[in-house]
Amino acid sequence: MKIDILTLFPNMFQGFLNESIIKRAIEKQKVAINIINFRDFSHLPNQQVDDTPYGGGRGMVLRCEPIIEALESIKTKESKVILLCPQGTPFKEQKALKLSKEKHLILICGHYEGYDERIRNFVDEEISIGDYILTGGELPAMVISDAIIRLIPGVITKDSFLNDSFMNQMLDYPTYTKPPVYKGLKVPDVLLSGHHENIKKWREEQALANTLKRRKDLLEKKENKDD
């Protein structure tokens, strides 16, 4: 997979690209990530990319030319272009799974007061990572890329994500490791029993209980989907 990220702040991605699973995925050539500064496509003095909104109003708006010209310089028939903005569709695990099957993703990071509306004519989809406002689209681009890359075959083992929270409209079950007792807090006996069927049954029950306690809305969505 190839991921191109259009941004005004390429240095924000240095840690993201050079640590942990993302770094290993790049080294294993499971993904190629290019950070493109769309300021380089500005035709204005001082590489200006924003301007005041027509009709008045607060803040500055990203101009359409530098973003669209940056986009056109890398877009192919295999590209899926995603605009990151608060008005987009909420990002979910199933969307991450679907996007992990794409060959080429282009993520556009916004900034300032927003985008020139005409940019929307050149994108395939708009995505939001939540109902709140950030200073720019860089953090959402990292969140979405991370969620997608870990699902690419060969990046992590399949067993590592099949039972993750949200994969089946359920939260994950509780997990424990050594020591078996710490400050009076014990690991459940079933996990120390070695009885795999009982462990599996316990985990299924705990996943359901966990979801009922913390995210009952997920079960309601699952029921509606199954109907």
C-alpha atoms as a PDB file:
ATOM      1  CA  MET A   1       0.000   0.000   0.000  1.00  0.00           C
ATOM      2  CA  LYS A   2       1.005   3.579  -0.630  1.00  0.00           C
ATOM      3  CA  ILE A   3      -0.168   6.489   1.528  1.00  0.00           C
ATOM      4  CA  ASP A   4       0.438  10.102   0.521  1.00  0.00           C
ATOM      5  CA  ILE A   5      -0.308  12.751   3.133  1.00  0.00           C
ATOM      6  CA  LEU A   6      -0.754  16.375   2.067  1.00  0.00           C
ATOM      7  CA  THR A   7       0.135  18.710   4.918  1.00  0.00           C
ATOM      8  CA  LEU A   8       1.574  22.106   5.853  1.00  0.00           C
ATOM      9  CA  PHE A   9       3.567  20.601   8.723  1.00  0.00           C
ATOM     10  CA  PRO A  10       5.636  17.640   7.513  1.00  0.00           C
ATOM     11  CA  ASN A  11       7.885  17.646  10.587  1.00  0.00           C
ATOM     12  CA  MET A  12       4.947  16.557  12.741  1.00  0.00           C
ATOM     13  CA  PHE A  13       5.210  13.084  11.163  1.00  0.00           C
ATOM     14  CA  GLN A  14       8.839  12.373  12.069  1.00  0.00           C
ATOM     15  CA  GLY A  15       8.132  10.443  15.262  1.00  0.00           C
ATOM     16  CA  PHE A  16       5.153   8.690  13.742  1.00  0.00           C
ATOM     17  CA  LEU A  17       7.190   7.337  10.824  1.00  0.00           C
ATOM     18  CA  ASN A  18      10.231   6.327  12.841  1.00  0.00           C
ATOM     19  CA  GLU A  19       8.848   4.369  15.766  1.00  0.00           C
ATOM     20  CA  SER A  20       7.199   1.037  16.556  1.00  0.00           C
ATOM     21  CA  ILE A  21       4.914  -0.860  14.152  1.00  0.00           C
ATOM     22  CA  ILE A  22       4.758   1.892  11.526  1.00  0.00           C
ATOM     23  CA  LYS A  23       8.538   1.966  11.198  1.00  0.00           C
ATOM     24  CA  ARG A  24       8.681  -1.834  10.890  1.00  0.00           C
ATOM     25  CA  ALA A  25       5.885  -1.861   8.300  1.00  0.00           C
ATOM     26  CA  ILE A  26       7.844   0.623   6.201  1.00  0.00           C
ATOM     27  CA  GLU A  27      11.066  -1.367   6.574  1.00  0.00           C
ATOM     28  CA  LYS A  28       9.240  -4.568   5.546  1.00  0.00           C
ATOM     29  CA  GLN A  29       7.879  -2.679   2.512  1.00  0.00           C
ATOM     30  CA  LYS A  30       4.293  -3.365   3.530  1.00  0.00           C
ATOM     31  CA  VAL A  31       3.536   0.334   3.187  1.00  0.00           C
ATOM     32  CA  ALA A  32       5.176   3.393   1.652  1.00  0.00           C
ATOM     33  CA  ILE A  33       4.290   6.724   3.243  1.00  0.00           C
ATOM     34  CA  ASN A  34       5.078  10.024   1.545  1.00  0.00           C
ATOM     35  CA  ILE A  35       4.640  13.358   3.298  1.00  0.00           C
ATOM     36  CA  ILE A  36       3.953  16.157   0.824  1.00  0.00           C
ATOM     37  CA  ASN A  37       4.024  19.816   1.792  1.00  0.00           C
ATOM     38  CA  PHE A  38       1.352  21.409  -0.371  1.00  0.00           C
ATOM     39  CA  ARG A  39       2.884  24.804   0.389  1.00  0.00           C
ATOM     40  CA  ASP A  40       5.397  23.832  -2.317  1.00  0.00           C
ATOM     41  CA  PHE A  41       2.561  24.112  -4.854  1.00  0.00           C
ATOM     42  CA  SER A  42       1.662  27.703  -4.007  1.00  0.00           C
ATOM     43  CA  HIS A  43       2.161  30.341  -6.731  1.00  0.00           C
ATOM     44  CA  LEU A  44       1.922  33.271  -4.309  1.00  0.00           C
ATOM     45  CA  PRO A  45       4.722  35.222  -2.623  1.00  0.00           C
ATOM     46  CA  ASN A  46       6.130  33.542   0.491  1.00  0.00           C
ATOM     47  CA  GLN A  47       4.317  30.332  -0.558  1.00  0.00           C
ATOM     48  CA  GLN A  48       1.041  31.573   0.901  1.00  0.00           C
ATOM     49  CA  VAL A  49      -1.678  28.898   0.961  1.00  0.00           C
ATOM     50  CA  ASP A  50      -4.543  30.670   2.731  1.00  0.00           C
ATOM     51  CA  ASP A  51      -6.611  33.837   2.372  1.00  0.00           C
ATOM     52  CA  THR A  52      -9.551  35.690   3.891  1.00  0.00           C
ATOM     53  CA  PRO A  53     -13.025  34.257   3.153  1.00  0.00           C
ATOM     54  CA  TYR A  54     -15.259  35.856   0.541  1.00  0.00           C
ATOM     55  CA  GLY A  55     -18.240  37.500   2.187  1.00  0.00           C
ATOM     56  CA  GLY A  56     -16.273  38.233   5.349  1.00  0.00           C
ATOM     57  CA  GLY A  57     -15.925  36.204   8.492  1.00  0.00           C
ATOM     58  CA  ARG A  58     -13.287  35.102  10.928  1.00  0.00           C
ATOM     59  CA  GLY A  59     -10.071  33.226  10.255  1.00  0.00           C
ATOM     60  CA  MET A  60      -8.260  32.228   7.119  1.00  0.00           C
ATOM     61  CA  VAL A  61      -9.351  29.652   4.538  1.00  0.00           C
ATOM     62  CA  LEU A  62      -7.086  27.252   2.643  1.00  0.00           C
ATOM     63  CA  ARG A  63      -6.929  28.157  -1.032  1.00  0.00           C
ATOM     64  CA  CYS A  64      -7.914  25.508  -3.558  1.00  0.00           C
ATOM     65  CA  GLU A  65      -5.006  25.805  -6.039  1.00  0.00           C
ATOM     66  CA  PRO A  66      -2.077  24.455  -3.975  1.00  0.00           C
ATOM     67  CA  ILE A  67      -4.057  21.512  -2.603  1.00  0.00           C
ATOM     68  CA  ILE A  68      -5.604  20.541  -5.925  1.00  0.00           C
ATOM     69  CA  GLU A  69      -2.326  20.909  -7.833  1.00  0.00           C
ATOM     70  CA  ALA A  70      -0.515  18.797  -5.213  1.00  0.00           C
ATOM     71  CA  LEU A  71      -3.289  16.241  -5.521  1.00  0.00           C
ATOM     72  CA  GLU A  72      -3.132  16.145  -9.309  1.00  0.00           C
ATOM     73  CA  SER A  73       0.630  15.616  -9.220  1.00  0.00           C
ATOM     74  CA  ILE A  74       0.270  12.264  -7.429  1.00  0.00           C
ATOM     75  CA  LYS A  75      -3.226  10.981  -8.171  1.00  0.00           C
ATOM     76  CA  THR A  76      -3.687   7.869 -10.313  1.00  0.00           C
ATOM     77  CA  LYS A  77      -6.615   5.625 -11.250  1.00  0.00           C
ATOM     78  CA  GLU A  78      -5.887   3.565  -8.137  1.00  0.00           C
ATOM     79  CA  SER A  79      -5.985   6.518  -5.748  1.00  0.00           C
ATOM     80  CA  LYS A  80      -8.636   7.075  -3.115  1.00  0.00           C
ATOM     81  CA  VAL A  81      -8.625  10.682  -1.934  1.00  0.00           C
ATOM     82  CA  ILE A  82      -9.762  11.415   1.612  1.00  0.00           C
ATOM     83  CA  LEU A  83     -10.401  14.860   3.034  1.00  0.00           C
ATOM     84  CA  LEU A  84      -9.909  15.022   6.803  1.00  0.00           C
ATOM     85  CA  CYS A  85     -12.428  17.371   8.380  1.00  0.00           C
ATOM     86  CA  PRO A  86     -14.919  17.574  11.289  1.00  0.00           C
ATOM     87  CA  GLN A  87     -17.830  17.351   8.834  1.00  0.00           C
ATOM     88  CA  GLY A  88     -16.741  13.946   7.543  1.00  0.00           C
ATOM     89  CA  THR A  89     -18.125  10.493   8.296  1.00  0.00           C
ATOM     90  CA  PRO A  90     -16.998   9.245  11.741  1.00  0.00           C
ATOM     91  CA  PHE A  91     -14.027   6.885  11.448  1.00  0.00           C
ATOM     92  CA  LYS A  92     -14.727   3.326  12.623  1.00  0.00           C
ATOM     93  CA  GLU A  93     -12.810   0.037  12.718  1.00  0.00           C
ATOM     94  CA  GLN A  94     -14.811  -1.369   9.801  1.00  0.00           C
ATOM     95  CA  LYS A  95     -13.806   1.637   7.710  1.00  0.00           C
ATOM     96  CA  ALA A  96     -10.157   1.012   8.638  1.00  0.00           C
ATOM     97  CA  LEU A  97     -10.528  -2.602   7.496  1.00  0.00           C
ATOM     98  CA  LYS A  98     -12.049  -1.520   4.192  1.00  0.00           C
ATOM     99  CA  LEU A  99      -9.374   1.114   3.550  1.00  0.00           C
ATOM    100  CA  SER A 100      -6.596  -1.370   4.353  1.00  0.00           C
ATOM    101  CA  LYS A 101      -7.482  -3.129   1.086  1.00  0.00           C
ATOM    102  CA  GLU A 102      -6.865  -0.022  -1.041  1.00  0.00           C
ATOM    103  CA  LYS A 103      -3.673   0.304  -3.083  1.00  0.00           C
ATOM    104  CA  HIS A 104      -3.200   4.062  -2.793  1.00  0.00           C
ATOM    105  CA  LEU A 105      -4.618   6.476  -0.230  1.00  0.00           C
ATOM    106  CA  ILE A 106      -4.227  10.236  -0.304  1.00  0.00           C
ATOM    107  CA  LEU A 107      -5.030  12.040   2.952  1.00  0.00           C
ATOM    108  CA  ILE A 108      -5.504  15.811   2.926  1.00  0.00           C
ATOM    109  CA  CYS A 109      -4.802  17.628   6.193  1.00  0.00           C
ATOM    110  CA  GLY A 110      -6.668  20.850   6.743  1.00  0.00           C
ATOM    111  CA  HIS A 111      -5.675  23.847   8.855  1.00  0.00           C
ATOM    112  CA  TYR A 112      -6.829  27.348   9.713  1.00  0.00           C
ATOM    113  CA  GLU A 113     -10.582  28.008   9.435  1.00  0.00           C
ATOM    114  CA  GLY A 114     -11.221  25.358   6.790  1.00  0.00           C
ATOM    115  CA  TYR A 115     -11.000  24.533   3.100  1.00  0.00           C
ATOM    116  CA  ASP A 116     -12.181  26.380   0.037  1.00  0.00           C
ATOM    117  CA  GLU A 117     -15.393  24.467  -0.710  1.00  0.00           C
ATOM    118  CA  ARG A 118     -14.274  23.701  -4.283  1.00  0.00           C
ATOM    119  CA  ILE A 119     -11.676  21.251  -2.969  1.00  0.00           C
ATOM    120  CA  ARG A 120     -14.522  18.857  -2.193  1.00  0.00           C
ATOM    121  CA  ASN A 121     -15.040  18.331  -5.927  1.00  0.00           C
ATOM    122  CA  PHE A 122     -11.692  16.524  -6.084  1.00  0.00           C
ATOM    123  CA  VAL A 123     -12.033  14.061  -3.203  1.00  0.00           C
ATOM    124  CA  ASP A 124     -13.707  10.658  -2.887  1.00  0.00           C
ATOM    125  CA  GLU A 125     -14.583  10.731   0.789  1.00  0.00           C
ATOM    126  CA  GLU A 126     -14.526  12.901   3.911  1.00  0.00           C
ATOM    127  CA  ILE A 127     -13.593  11.422   7.291  1.00  0.00           C
ATOM    128  CA  SER A 128     -13.655  12.730  10.855  1.00  0.00           C
ATOM    129  CA  ILE A 129     -12.046  11.043  13.872  1.00  0.00           C
ATOM    130  CA  GLY A 130     -14.502  12.596  16.321  1.00  0.00           C
ATOM    131  CA  ASP A 131     -16.886  15.385  17.203  1.00  0.00           C
ATOM    132  CA  TYR A 132     -14.262  17.874  18.315  1.00  0.00           C
ATOM    133  CA  ILE A 133     -11.973  20.407  16.667  1.00  0.00           C
ATOM    134  CA  LEU A 134      -8.186  20.078  16.342  1.00  0.00           C
ATOM    135  CA  THR A 135      -5.699  22.634  15.090  1.00  0.00           C
ATOM    136  CA  GLY A 136      -5.178  20.642  11.912  1.00  0.00           C
ATOM    137  CA  GLY A 137      -5.571  17.330  10.138  1.00  0.00           C
ATOM    138  CA  GLU A 138      -2.124  15.970  10.956  1.00  0.00           C
ATOM    139  CA  LEU A 139      -3.128  14.038  14.068  1.00  0.00           C
ATOM    140  CA  PRO A 140      -6.206  12.544  12.329  1.00  0.00           C
ATOM    141  CA  ALA A 141      -3.958  11.501   9.429  1.00  0.00           C
ATOM    142  CA  MET A 142      -1.698   9.643  11.861  1.00  0.00           C
ATOM    143  CA  VAL A 143      -4.642   8.041  13.673  1.00  0.00           C
ATOM    144  CA  ILE A 144      -6.240   6.837  10.446  1.00  0.00           C
ATOM    145  CA  SER A 145      -2.935   5.646   8.962  1.00  0.00           C
ATOM    146  CA  ASP A 146      -2.059   3.727  12.128  1.00  0.00           C
ATOM    147  CA  ALA A 147      -5.465   2.035  12.261  1.00  0.00           C
ATOM    148  CA  ILE A 148      -5.178   1.027   8.598  1.00  0.00           C
ATOM    149  CA  ILE A 149      -1.535  -0.052   8.481  1.00  0.00           C
ATOM    150  CA  ARG A 150      -1.829  -2.531  11.363  1.00  0.00           C
ATOM    151  CA  LEU A 151      -4.535  -4.350   9.351  1.00  0.00           C
ATOM    152  CA  ILE A 152      -2.362  -4.809   6.251  1.00  0.00           C
ATOM    153  CA  PRO A 153      -1.423  -8.503   5.913  1.00  0.00           C
ATOM    154  CA  GLY A 154       2.040  -9.167   7.290  1.00  0.00           C
ATOM    155  CA  VAL A 155       2.296  -6.049   9.449  1.00  0.00           C
ATOM    156  CA  ILE A 156       1.111  -7.812  12.600  1.00  0.00           C
ATOM    157  CA  THR A 157      -0.227 -11.327  13.039  1.00  0.00           C
ATOM    158  CA  LYS A 158      -3.880 -11.774  12.143  1.00  0.00           C
ATOM    159  CA  ASP A 159      -4.668 -13.136  15.606  1.00  0.00           C
ATOM    160  CA  SER A 160      -3.452  -9.859  17.078  1.00  0.00           C
ATOM    161  CA  PHE A 161      -6.370  -7.871  15.678  1.00  0.00           C
ATOM    162  CA  LEU A 162      -9.199 -10.340  15.005  1.00  0.00           C
ATOM    163  CA  ASN A 163     -10.445 -10.059  18.591  1.00  0.00           C
ATOM    164  CA  ASP A 164      -9.726  -6.349  18.998  1.00  0.00           C
ATOM    165  CA  SER A 165     -12.415  -4.062  20.318  1.00  0.00           C
ATOM    166  CA  PHE A 166     -14.923  -3.025  17.635  1.00  0.00           C
ATOM    167  CA  MET A 167     -14.056  -5.818  15.201  1.00  0.00           C
ATOM    168  CA  ASN A 168     -17.387  -7.527  15.954  1.00  0.00           C
ATOM    169  CA  GLN A 169     -19.314  -4.595  17.430  1.00  0.00           C
ATOM    170  CA  MET A 170     -17.969  -5.650  20.823  1.00  0.00           C
ATOM    171  CA  LEU A 171     -15.296  -4.413  23.192  1.00  0.00           C
ATOM    172  CA  ASP A 172     -12.356  -6.665  23.970  1.00  0.00           C
ATOM    173  CA  TYR A 173     -12.177  -8.970  26.985  1.00  0.00           C
ATOM    174  CA  PRO A 174      -9.909  -8.163  29.987  1.00  0.00           C
ATOM    175  CA  THR A 175      -6.311  -9.343  29.774  1.00  0.00           C
ATOM    176  CA  TYR A 176      -3.721 -10.084  32.463  1.00  0.00           C
ATOM    177  CA  THR A 177      -0.050 -10.986  32.715  1.00  0.00           C
ATOM    178  CA  LYS A 178       2.489 -11.766  35.464  1.00  0.00           C
ATOM    179  CA  PRO A 179       2.531 -11.639  38.453  1.00  0.00           C
ATOM    180  CA  PRO A 180      -0.558 -13.725  39.292  1.00  0.00           C
ATOM    181  CA  VAL A 181      -1.168 -11.669  42.458  1.00  0.00           C
ATOM    182  CA  TYR A 182      -0.290  -8.011  42.981  1.00  0.00           C
ATOM    183  CA  LYS A 183      -1.323  -5.986  46.050  1.00  0.00           C
ATOM    184  CA  GLY A 184      -4.049  -8.500  46.730  1.00  0.00           C
ATOM    185  CA  LEU A 185      -5.421  -8.315  43.177  1.00  0.00           C
ATOM    186  CA  LYS A 186      -5.564 -11.792  41.638  1.00  0.00           C
ATOM    187  CA  VAL A 187      -5.655 -12.966  38.046  1.00  0.00           C
ATOM    188  CA  PRO A 188      -8.907 -14.912  37.462  1.00  0.00           C
ATOM    189  CA  ASP A 189      -8.385 -18.609  38.168  1.00  0.00           C
ATOM    190  CA  VAL A 190      -9.774 -19.665  34.790  1.00  0.00           C
ATOM    191  CA  LEU A 191      -6.876 -17.981  32.993  1.00  0.00           C
ATOM    192  CA  LEU A 192      -4.405 -20.025  35.027  1.00  0.00           C
ATOM    193  CA  SER A 193      -6.282 -23.295  34.522  1.00  0.00           C
ATOM    194  CA  GLY A 194      -4.902 -24.227  31.109  1.00  0.00           C
ATOM    195  CA  HIS A 195      -8.423 -25.267  30.052  1.00  0.00           C
ATOM    196  CA  HIS A 196      -8.731 -23.598  26.654  1.00  0.00           C
ATOM    197  CA  GLU A 197     -12.464 -24.113  26.189  1.00  0.00           C
ATOM    198  CA  ASN A 198     -13.222 -22.600  29.577  1.00  0.00           C
ATOM    199  CA  ILE A 199     -10.879 -19.710  28.843  1.00  0.00           C
ATOM    200  CA  LYS A 200     -12.577 -19.072  25.501  1.00  0.00           C
ATOM    201  CA  LYS A 201     -16.025 -19.146  27.117  1.00  0.00           C
ATOM    202  CA  TRP A 202     -14.868 -16.792  29.917  1.00  0.00           C
ATOM    203  CA  ARG A 203     -13.441 -14.323  27.401  1.00  0.00           C
ATOM    204  CA  GLU A 204     -16.653 -14.295  25.378  1.00  0.00           C
ATOM    205  CA  GLU A 205     -18.686 -13.665  28.533  1.00  0.00           C
ATOM    206  CA  GLN A 206     -16.328 -10.929  29.691  1.00  0.00           C
ATOM    207  CA  ALA A 207     -16.345  -9.230  26.286  1.00  0.00           C
ATOM    208  CA  LEU A 208     -20.137  -9.101  26.438  1.00  0.00           C
ATOM    209  CA  ALA A 209     -20.119  -7.823  30.025  1.00  0.00           C
ATOM    210  CA  ASN A 210     -17.481  -5.243  29.164  1.00  0.00           C
ATOM    211  CA  THR A 211     -19.539  -3.984  26.232  1.00  0.00           C
ATOM    212  CA  LEU A 212     -22.750  -3.869  28.283  1.00  0.00           C
ATOM    213  CA  LYS A 213     -20.979  -1.863  30.975  1.00  0.00           C
ATOM    214  CA  ARG A 214     -19.041   0.601  28.806  1.00  0.00           C
ATOM    215  CA  ARG A 215     -20.588   0.741  25.315  1.00  0.00           C
ATOM    216  CA  LYS A 216     -24.098  -0.681  25.307  1.00  0.00           C
ATOM    217  CA  ASP A 217     -24.752   1.295  22.122  1.00  0.00           C
ATOM    218  CA  LEU A 218     -22.473  -1.096  20.215  1.00  0.00           C
ATOM    219  CA  LEU A 219     -24.722  -4.043  21.053  1.00  0.00           C
ATOM    220  CA  GLU A 220     -27.780  -2.106  19.916  1.00  0.00           C
ATOM    221  CA  LYS A 221     -26.086  -1.384  16.597  1.00  0.00           C
ATOM    222  CA  LYS A 222     -25.125  -5.059  16.284  1.00  0.00           C
ATOM    223  CA  GLU A 223     -28.727  -6.144  16.892  1.00  0.00           C
ATOM    224  CA  ASN A 224     -30.023  -3.700  14.290  1.00  0.00           C
ATOM    225  CA  LYS A 225     -27.434  -4.937  11.797  1.00  0.00           C
ATOM    226  CA  ASP A 226     -28.385  -8.592  12.390  1.00  0.00           C
ATOM    227  CA  ASP A 227     -32.141  -7.938  11.941  1.00  0.00           C
END
